[in-house]
Every structure is written in structure tokens, then in C-alpha cells.
Amino acid sequence: VPRAAWEEYLRSAFAANRPYDHVAREILAADGTDPANRAPAKFFLDRKLEPNVVAKDVGRVFLGRNLQCAQCHDHPNVEAYK
């Protein structure tokens, strides 16, 4: 997915004042199989679907949490982060 297509997707979504949860759902559900709707898949494609990178960036971008340290360490305060 060319960067210009990704940027146009984001620009048009925000210009149309689409709800953030709808945009996030499109990005997180994108599989890139439909050429007409391929731009949202860039989020995953740029990360080569590598689980640790995807989890780190989903946590940071969509959840506002840095989960990268949980890759190697148990969280000191959150029992569920292992």
C-alpha cells in the first residue's frame, strides 16, 4: 500500500468527521484482500504481521498503553500482563 494511499485514507476519514472507533475498526479489521479498501491494511502490512510489533503498536496507538515491556517482563502492577 503506497504511503499516499494511507495518508489519503486517514485524511478523508478525518475530513468526513468519521467516528474514531469506526476508523480504528476498519484499520484493525483490514486484511488487504479488497483492492478498493486496501489502504487501512497498511497498518498491519508495514509491521509484516509480526505479533510483537503489532501488539506494541496497537497498544500504543489505539489503547494509549505501552505494552512493549510486557514482551520480556511481567508487569509489576498489573497481574494480567505477563
PDB file of N, CA and C in Angstrom:
ATOM      1  N   VAL A   1       0.864  -1.173   0.000  1.00  0.00           N
ATOM      2  CA  VAL A   1       0.000   0.000   0.000  1.00  0.00           C
ATOM      3  C   VAL A   1       0.905   1.230   0.000  1.00  0.00           C
ATOM      4  N   PRO A   2       0.789   2.063  -1.004  1.00  0.00           N
ATOM      5  CA  PRO A   2       1.618   3.273  -1.040  1.00  0.00           C
ATOM      6  C   PRO A   2       1.265   4.222   0.104  1.00  0.00           C
ATOM      7  N   ARG A   3       2.275   4.918   0.567  1.00  0.00           N
ATOM      8  CA  ARG A   3       2.077   5.859   1.662  1.00  0.00           C
ATOM      9  C   ARG A   3       1.007   6.896   1.320  1.00  0.00           C
ATOM     10  N   ALA A   4       0.979   7.352   0.075  1.00  0.00           N
ATOM     11  CA  ALA A   4      -0.007   8.350  -0.347  1.00  0.00           C
ATOM     12  C   ALA A   4      -1.434   7.826  -0.168  1.00  0.00           C
ATOM     13  N   ALA A   5      -1.655   6.549  -0.438  1.00  0.00           N
ATOM     14  CA  ALA A   5      -2.993   5.961  -0.274  1.00  0.00           C
ATOM     15  C   ALA A   5      -3.381   5.908   1.203  1.00  0.00           C
ATOM     16  N   TRP A   6      -2.432   5.559   2.053  1.00  0.00           N
ATOM     17  CA  TRP A   6      -2.654   5.526   3.509  1.00  0.00           C
ATOM     18  C   TRP A   6      -2.996   6.918   4.026  1.00  0.00           C
ATOM     19  N   GLU A   7      -2.204   7.896   3.612  1.00  0.00           N
ATOM     20  CA  GLU A   7      -2.435   9.266   4.063  1.00  0.00           C
ATOM     21  C   GLU A   7      -3.770   9.792   3.559  1.00  0.00           C
ATOM     22  N   GLU A   8      -4.134   9.465   2.329  1.00  0.00           N
ATOM     23  CA  GLU A   8      -5.426   9.901   1.791  1.00  0.00           C
ATOM     24  C   GLU A   8      -6.576   9.236   2.536  1.00  0.00           C
ATOM     25  N   TYR A   9      -6.409   7.974   2.889  1.00  0.00           N
ATOM     26  CA  TYR A   9      -7.426   7.277   3.673  1.00  0.00           C
ATOM     27  C   TYR A   9      -7.648   8.003   5.001  1.00  0.00           C
ATOM     28  N   LEU A  10      -6.564   8.290   5.715  1.00  0.00           N
ATOM     29  CA  LEU A  10      -6.682   8.983   7.003  1.00  0.00           C
ATOM     30  C   LEU A  10      -7.249  10.385   6.828  1.00  0.00           C
ATOM     31  N   ARG A  11      -6.735  11.110   5.841  1.00  0.00           N
ATOM     32  CA  ARG A  11      -7.179  12.478   5.604  1.00  0.00           C
ATOM     33  C   ARG A  11      -8.685  12.515   5.308  1.00  0.00           C
ATOM     34  N   SER A  12      -9.150  11.636   4.442  1.00  0.00           N
ATOM     35  CA  SER A  12     -10.574  11.638   4.088  1.00  0.00           C
ATOM     36  C   SER A  12     -11.437  11.190   5.267  1.00  0.00           C
ATOM     37  N   ALA A  13     -10.958  10.247   6.068  1.00  0.00           N
ATOM     38  CA  ALA A  13     -11.721   9.800   7.237  1.00  0.00           C
ATOM     39  C   ALA A  13     -11.902  10.941   8.231  1.00  0.00           C
ATOM     40  N   PHE A  14     -10.829  11.686   8.495  1.00  0.00           N
ATOM     41  CA  PHE A  14     -10.931  12.786   9.448  1.00  0.00           C
ATOM     42  C   PHE A  14     -11.682  13.974   8.859  1.00  0.00           C
ATOM     43  N   ALA A  15     -11.527  14.232   7.563  1.00  0.00           N
ATOM     44  CA  ALA A  15     -12.249  15.326   6.907  1.00  0.00           C
ATOM     45  C   ALA A  15     -13.757  15.056   6.908  1.00  0.00           C
ATOM     46  N   ALA A  16     -14.130  13.794   6.800  1.00  0.00           N
ATOM     47  CA  ALA A  16     -15.547  13.421   6.826  1.00  0.00           C
ATOM     48  C   ALA A  16     -16.074  13.334   8.255  1.00  0.00           C
ATOM     49  N   ASN A  17     -15.197  13.582   9.227  1.00  0.00           N
ATOM     50  CA  ASN A  17     -15.561  13.546  10.646  1.00  0.00           C
ATOM     51  C   ASN A  17     -16.126  12.188  11.052  1.00  0.00           C
ATOM     52  N   ARG A  18     -15.525  11.137  10.488  1.00  0.00           N
ATOM     53  CA  ARG A  18     -15.947   9.780  10.834  1.00  0.00           C
ATOM     54  C   ARG A  18     -15.523   9.481  12.264  1.00  0.00           C
ATOM     55  N   PRO A  19     -16.364   8.801  13.012  1.00  0.00           N
ATOM     56  CA  PRO A  19     -16.022   8.489  14.400  1.00  0.00           C
ATOM     57  C   PRO A  19     -14.720   7.687  14.492  1.00  0.00           C
ATOM     58  N   TYR A  20     -13.923   8.005  15.498  1.00  0.00           N
ATOM     59  CA  TYR A  20     -12.623   7.359  15.685  1.00  0.00           C
ATOM     60  C   TYR A  20     -12.768   5.842  15.806  1.00  0.00           C
ATOM     61  N   ASP A  21     -13.804   5.385  16.516  1.00  0.00           N
ATOM     62  CA  ASP A  21     -13.959   3.941  16.678  1.00  0.00           C
ATOM     63  C   ASP A  21     -14.240   3.240  15.355  1.00  0.00           C
ATOM     64  N   HIS A  22     -14.901   3.929  14.413  1.00  0.00           N
ATOM     65  CA  HIS A  22     -15.146   3.333  13.097  1.00  0.00           C
ATOM     66  C   HIS A  22     -13.851   3.230  12.297  1.00  0.00           C
ATOM     67  N   VAL A  23     -13.046   4.285  12.359  1.00  0.00           N
ATOM     68  CA  VAL A  23     -11.762   4.281  11.655  1.00  0.00           C
ATOM     69  C   VAL A  23     -10.854   3.209  12.260  1.00  0.00           C
ATOM     70  N   ALA A  24     -10.796   3.154  13.573  1.00  0.00           N
ATOM     71  CA  ALA A  24      -9.966   2.145  14.246  1.00  0.00           C
ATOM     72  C   ALA A  24     -10.421   0.741  13.882  1.00  0.00           C
ATOM     73  N   ARG A  25     -11.730   0.517  13.836  1.00  0.00           N
ATOM     74  CA  ARG A  25     -12.256  -0.810  13.485  1.00  0.00           C
ATOM     75  C   ARG A  25     -11.869  -1.190  12.063  1.00  0.00           C
ATOM     76  N   GLU A  26     -11.960  -0.228  11.137  1.00  0.00           N
ATOM     77  CA  GLU A  26     -11.564  -0.506   9.750  1.00  0.00           C
ATOM     78  C   GLU A  26     -10.092  -0.881   9.671  1.00  0.00           C
ATOM     79  N   ILE A  27      -9.256  -0.159  10.398  1.00  0.00           N
ATOM     80  CA  ILE A  27      -7.814  -0.423  10.364  1.00  0.00           C
ATOM     81  C   ILE A  27      -7.511  -1.783  10.976  1.00  0.00           C
ATOM     82  N   LEU A  28      -8.091  -2.058  12.137  1.00  0.00           N
ATOM     83  CA  LEU A  28      -7.783  -3.302  12.842  1.00  0.00           C
ATOM     84  C   LEU A  28      -8.420  -4.534  12.191  1.00  0.00           C
ATOM     85  N   ALA A  29      -9.462  -4.344  11.398  1.00  0.00           N
ATOM     86  CA  ALA A  29     -10.119  -5.469  10.735  1.00  0.00           C
ATOM     87  C   ALA A  29      -9.645  -5.661   9.296  1.00  0.00           C
ATOM     88  N   ALA A  30      -8.827  -4.750   8.795  1.00  0.00           N
ATOM     89  CA  ALA A  30      -8.407  -4.808   7.390  1.00  0.00           C
ATOM     90  C   ALA A  30      -7.525  -6.027   7.138  1.00  0.00           C
ATOM     91  N   ASP A  31      -7.810  -6.701   6.029  1.00  0.00           N
ATOM     92  CA  ASP A  31      -6.949  -7.825   5.636  1.00  0.00           C
ATOM     93  C   ASP A  31      -6.267  -7.577   4.300  1.00  0.00           C
ATOM     94  N   GLY A  32      -6.635  -6.496   3.622  1.00  0.00           N
ATOM     95  CA  GLY A  32      -5.967  -6.115   2.389  1.00  0.00           C
ATOM     96  C   GLY A  32      -6.389  -6.881   1.160  1.00  0.00           C
ATOM     97  N   THR A  33      -7.395  -7.738   1.272  1.00  0.00           N
ATOM     98  CA  THR A  33      -7.788  -8.550   0.115  1.00  0.00           C
ATOM     99  C   THR A  33      -8.609  -7.768  -0.904  1.00  0.00           C
ATOM    100  N   ASP A  34      -9.353  -6.773  -0.466  1.00  0.00           N
ATOM    101  CA  ASP A  34     -10.165  -5.967  -1.379  1.00  0.00           C
ATOM    102  C   ASP A  34      -9.345  -4.751  -1.813  1.00  0.00           C
ATOM    103  N   PRO A  35      -8.944  -4.683  -3.082  1.00  0.00           N
ATOM    104  CA  PRO A  35      -8.110  -3.565  -3.541  1.00  0.00           C
ATOM    105  C   PRO A  35      -8.739  -2.193  -3.301  1.00  0.00           C
ATOM    106  N   ALA A  36     -10.070  -2.111  -3.320  1.00  0.00           N
ATOM    107  CA  ALA A  36     -10.739  -0.833  -3.100  1.00  0.00           C
ATOM    108  C   ALA A  36     -10.595  -0.358  -1.657  1.00  0.00           C
ATOM    109  N   ASN A  37     -10.406  -1.280  -0.738  1.00  0.00           N
ATOM    110  CA  ASN A  37     -10.285  -0.939   0.682  1.00  0.00           C
ATOM    111  C   ASN A  37      -8.958  -1.409   1.262  1.00  0.00           C
ATOM    112  N   ARG A  38      -7.924  -1.366   0.474  1.00  0.00           N
ATOM    113  CA  ARG A  38      -6.629  -1.884   0.907  1.00  0.00           C
ATOM    114  C   ARG A  38      -5.856  -0.919   1.815  1.00  0.00           C
ATOM    115  N   ALA A  39      -6.098   0.375   1.697  1.00  0.00           N
ATOM    116  CA  ALA A  39      -5.320   1.368   2.445  1.00  0.00           C
ATOM    117  C   ALA A  39      -5.297   1.126   3.952  1.00  0.00           C
ATOM    118  N   PRO A  40      -6.420   0.789   4.601  1.00  0.00           N
ATOM    119  CA  PRO A  40      -6.361   0.561   6.043  1.00  0.00           C
ATOM    120  C   PRO A  40      -5.433  -0.597   6.442  1.00  0.00           C
ATOM    121  N   ALA A  41      -5.197  -1.526   5.536  1.00  0.00           N
ATOM    122  CA  ALA A  41      -4.337  -2.676   5.837  1.00  0.00           C
ATOM    123  C   ALA A  41      -2.876  -2.284   5.974  1.00  0.00           C
ATOM    124  N   LYS A  42      -2.508  -1.081   5.574  1.00  0.00           N
ATOM    125  CA  LYS A  42      -1.111  -0.641   5.662  1.00  0.00           C
ATOM    126  C   LYS A  42      -0.587  -0.726   7.093  1.00  0.00           C
ATOM    127  N   PHE A  43      -1.448  -0.480   8.066  1.00  0.00           N
ATOM    128  CA  PHE A  43      -1.019  -0.561   9.465  1.00  0.00           C
ATOM    129  C   PHE A  43      -0.383  -1.923   9.756  1.00  0.00           C
ATOM    130  N   PHE A  44      -1.042  -3.001   9.337  1.00  0.00           N
ATOM    131  CA  PHE A  44      -0.514  -4.353   9.570  1.00  0.00           C
ATOM    132  C   PHE A  44       0.596  -4.710   8.587  1.00  0.00           C
ATOM    133  N   LEU A  45       0.419  -4.338   7.330  1.00  0.00           N
ATOM    134  CA  LEU A  45       1.404  -4.698   6.312  1.00  0.00           C
ATOM    135  C   LEU A  45       2.774  -4.087   6.600  1.00  0.00           C
ATOM    136  N   ASP A  46       2.803  -2.858   7.093  1.00  0.00           N
ATOM    137  CA  ASP A  46       4.079  -2.220   7.420  1.00  0.00           C
ATOM    138  C   ASP A  46       4.786  -2.920   8.574  1.00  0.00           C
ATOM    139  N   ARG A  47       4.041  -3.628   9.379  1.00  0.00           N
ATOM    140  CA  ARG A  47       4.620  -4.337  10.523  1.00  0.00           C
ATOM    141  C   ARG A  47       4.851  -5.811  10.205  1.00  0.00           C
ATOM    142  N   LYS A  48       4.637  -6.162   8.934  1.00  0.00           N
ATOM    143  CA  LYS A  48       4.850  -7.523   8.427  1.00  0.00           C
ATOM    144  C   LYS A  48       4.126  -8.581   9.267  1.00  0.00           C
ATOM    145  N   LEU A  49       3.014  -8.167   9.883  1.00  0.00           N
ATOM    146  CA  LEU A  49       2.179  -9.030  10.715  1.00  0.00           C
ATOM    147  C   LEU A  49       2.955  -9.705  11.847  1.00  0.00           C
ATOM    148  N   GLU A  50       4.079  -9.119  12.240  1.00  0.00           N
ATOM    149  CA  GLU A  50       4.890  -9.659  13.325  1.00  0.00           C
ATOM    150  C   GLU A  50       4.158  -9.389  14.644  1.00  0.00           C
ATOM    151  N   PRO A  51       3.749 -10.424  15.374  1.00  0.00           N
ATOM    152  CA  PRO A  51       2.869 -10.258  16.534  1.00  0.00           C
ATOM    153  C   PRO A  51       3.381  -9.286  17.599  1.00  0.00           C
ATOM    154  N   ASN A  52       4.659  -9.333  17.936  1.00  0.00           N
ATOM    155  CA  ASN A  52       5.170  -8.437  18.974  1.00  0.00           C
ATOM    156  C   ASN A  52       5.113  -6.974  18.543  1.00  0.00           C
ATOM    157  N   VAL A  53       5.411  -6.716  17.286  1.00  0.00           N
ATOM    158  CA  VAL A  53       5.380  -5.346  16.772  1.00  0.00           C
ATOM    159  C   VAL A  53       3.935  -4.860  16.673  1.00  0.00           C
ATOM    160  N   VAL A  54       3.045  -5.720  16.180  1.00  0.00           N
ATOM    161  CA  VAL A  54       1.633  -5.352  16.060  1.00  0.00           C
ATOM    162  C   VAL A  54       1.049  -5.069  17.448  1.00  0.00           C
ATOM    163  N   ALA A  55       1.296  -5.942  18.429  1.00  0.00           N
ATOM    164  CA  ALA A  55       0.774  -5.737  19.784  1.00  0.00           C
ATOM    165  C   ALA A  55       1.305  -4.444  20.385  1.00  0.00           C
ATOM    166  N   LYS A  56       2.598  -4.187  20.202  1.00  0.00           N
ATOM    167  CA  LYS A  56       3.198  -2.961  20.739  1.00  0.00           C
ATOM    168  C   LYS A  56       2.527  -1.738  20.148  1.00  0.00           C
ATOM    169  N   ASP A  57       2.344  -1.724  18.826  1.00  0.00           N
ATOM    170  CA  ASP A  57       1.792  -0.544  18.168  1.00  0.00           C
ATOM    171  C   ASP A  57       0.285  -0.408  18.358  1.00  0.00           C
ATOM    172  N   VAL A  58      -0.454  -1.513  18.418  1.00  0.00           N
ATOM    173  CA  VAL A  58      -1.886  -1.428  18.716  1.00  0.00           C
ATOM    174  C   VAL A  58      -2.073  -0.856  20.116  1.00  0.00           C
ATOM    175  N   GLY A  59      -1.291  -1.330  21.071  1.00  0.00           N
ATOM    176  CA  GLY A  59      -1.379  -0.803  22.431  1.00  0.00           C
ATOM    177  C   GLY A  59      -1.066   0.677  22.495  1.00  0.00           C
ATOM    178  N   ARG A  60      -0.031   1.083  21.802  1.00  0.00           N
ATOM    179  CA  ARG A  60       0.404   2.490  21.841  1.00  0.00           C
ATOM    180  C   ARG A  60      -0.561   3.391  21.096  1.00  0.00           C
ATOM    181  N   VAL A  61      -0.942   3.012  19.872  1.00  0.00           N
ATOM    182  CA  VAL A  61      -1.759   3.878  19.020  1.00  0.00           C
ATOM    183  C   VAL A  61      -3.234   3.864  19.417  1.00  0.00           C
ATOM    184  N   PHE A  62      -3.788   2.685  19.692  1.00  0.00           N
ATOM    185  CA  PHE A  62      -5.228   2.578  19.896  1.00  0.00           C
ATOM    186  C   PHE A  62      -5.637   2.506  21.365  1.00  0.00           C
ATOM    187  N   LEU A  63      -4.756   2.042  22.233  1.00  0.00           N
ATOM    188  CA  LEU A  63      -5.118   1.902  23.637  1.00  0.00           C
ATOM    189  C   LEU A  63      -4.425   2.918  24.540  1.00  0.00           C
ATOM    190  N   GLY A  64      -3.450   3.628  23.996  1.00  0.00           N
ATOM    191  CA  GLY A  64      -2.729   4.606  24.800  1.00  0.00           C
ATOM    192  C   GLY A  64      -1.866   3.964  25.875  1.00  0.00           C
ATOM    193  N   ARG A  65      -1.430   2.741  25.630  1.00  0.00           N
ATOM    194  CA  ARG A  65      -0.612   1.998  26.593  1.00  0.00           C
ATOM    195  C   ARG A  65       0.632   1.463  25.908  1.00  0.00           C
ATOM    196  N   ASN A  66       1.737   1.507  26.614  1.00  0.00           N
ATOM    197  CA  ASN A  66       2.970   0.928  26.095  1.00  0.00           C
ATOM    198  C   ASN A  66       3.059  -0.503  26.610  1.00  0.00           C
ATOM    199  N   LEU A  67       2.865  -1.451  25.723  1.00  0.00           N
ATOM    200  CA  LEU A  67       2.891  -2.870  26.091  1.00  0.00           C
ATOM    201  C   LEU A  67       4.214  -3.538  25.722  1.00  0.00           C
ATOM    202  N   GLN A  68       5.145  -2.759  25.188  1.00  0.00           N
ATOM    203  CA  GLN A  68       6.389  -3.338  24.699  1.00  0.00           C
ATOM    204  C   GLN A  68       7.171  -4.049  25.799  1.00  0.00           C
ATOM    205  N   CYS A  69       7.201  -3.489  26.998  1.00  0.00           N
ATOM    206  CA  CYS A  69       7.987  -4.118  28.062  1.00  0.00           C
ATOM    207  C   CYS A  69       7.405  -5.467  28.473  1.00  0.00           C
ATOM    208  N   ALA A  70       6.104  -5.687  28.232  1.00  0.00           N
ATOM    209  CA  ALA A  70       5.483  -6.967  28.565  1.00  0.00           C
ATOM    210  C   ALA A  70       5.997  -8.092  27.668  1.00  0.00           C
ATOM    211  N   GLN A  71       6.693  -7.723  26.614  1.00  0.00           N
ATOM    212  CA  GLN A  71       7.276  -8.730  25.737  1.00  0.00           C
ATOM    213  C   GLN A  71       8.333  -9.549  26.484  1.00  0.00           C
ATOM    214  N   CYS A  72       9.047  -8.899  27.391  1.00  0.00           N
ATOM    215  CA  CYS A  72      10.130  -9.579  28.115  1.00  0.00           C
ATOM    216  C   CYS A  72       9.898  -9.670  29.619  1.00  0.00           C
ATOM    217  N   HIS A  73       8.991  -8.843  30.150  1.00  0.00           N
ATOM    218  CA  HIS A  73       8.841  -8.736  31.609  1.00  0.00           C
ATOM    219  C   HIS A  73       7.375  -8.833  32.011  1.00  0.00           C
ATOM    220  N   ASP A  74       7.120  -9.406  33.197  1.00  0.00           N
ATOM    221  CA  ASP A  74       5.795  -9.327  33.766  1.00  0.00           C
ATOM    222  C   ASP A  74       5.603  -7.919  34.288  1.00  0.00           C
ATOM    223  N   HIS A  75       4.403  -7.406  34.185  1.00  0.00           N
ATOM    224  CA  HIS A  75       4.133  -6.044  34.657  1.00  0.00           C
ATOM    225  C   HIS A  75       4.144  -6.045  36.182  1.00  0.00           C
ATOM    226  N   PRO A  76       4.806  -5.069  36.800  1.00  0.00           N
ATOM    227  CA  PRO A  76       4.904  -5.059  38.259  1.00  0.00           C
ATOM    228  C   PRO A  76       3.575  -4.753  38.963  1.00  0.00           C
ATOM    229  N   ASN A  77       2.653  -4.084  38.305  1.00  0.00           N
ATOM    230  CA  ASN A  77       1.409  -3.668  38.959  1.00  0.00           C
ATOM    231  C   ASN A  77       0.151  -4.314  38.395  1.00  0.00           C
ATOM    232  N   VAL A  78       0.246  -4.862  37.185  1.00  0.00           N
ATOM    233  CA  VAL A  78      -0.935  -5.452  36.548  1.00  0.00           C
ATOM    234  C   VAL A  78      -0.688  -6.958  36.403  1.00  0.00           C
ATOM    235  N   GLU A  79      -1.389  -7.714  37.212  1.00  0.00           N
ATOM    236  CA  GLU A  79      -1.177  -9.165  37.269  1.00  0.00           C
ATOM    237  C   GLU A  79      -1.445  -9.832  35.930  1.00  0.00           C
ATOM    238  N   ALA A  80      -2.380  -9.310  35.139  1.00  0.00           N
ATOM    239  CA  ALA A  80      -2.741  -9.947  33.868  1.00  0.00           C
ATOM    240  C   ALA A  80      -1.704  -9.742  32.769  1.00  0.00           C
ATOM    241  N   TYR A  81      -0.780  -8.786  32.927  1.00  0.00           N
ATOM    242  CA  TYR A  81       0.243  -8.532  31.905  1.00  0.00           C
ATOM    243  C   TYR A  81       1.418  -9.453  32.147  1.00  0.00           C
ATOM    244  N   LYS A  82       1.485 -10.536  31.397  1.00  0.00           N
ATOM    245  CA  LYS A  82       2.594 -11.490  31.542  1.00  0.00           C
ATOM    246  C   LYS A  82       3.265 -11.687  30.224  1.00  0.00           C
TER     247      LYS A  82
END
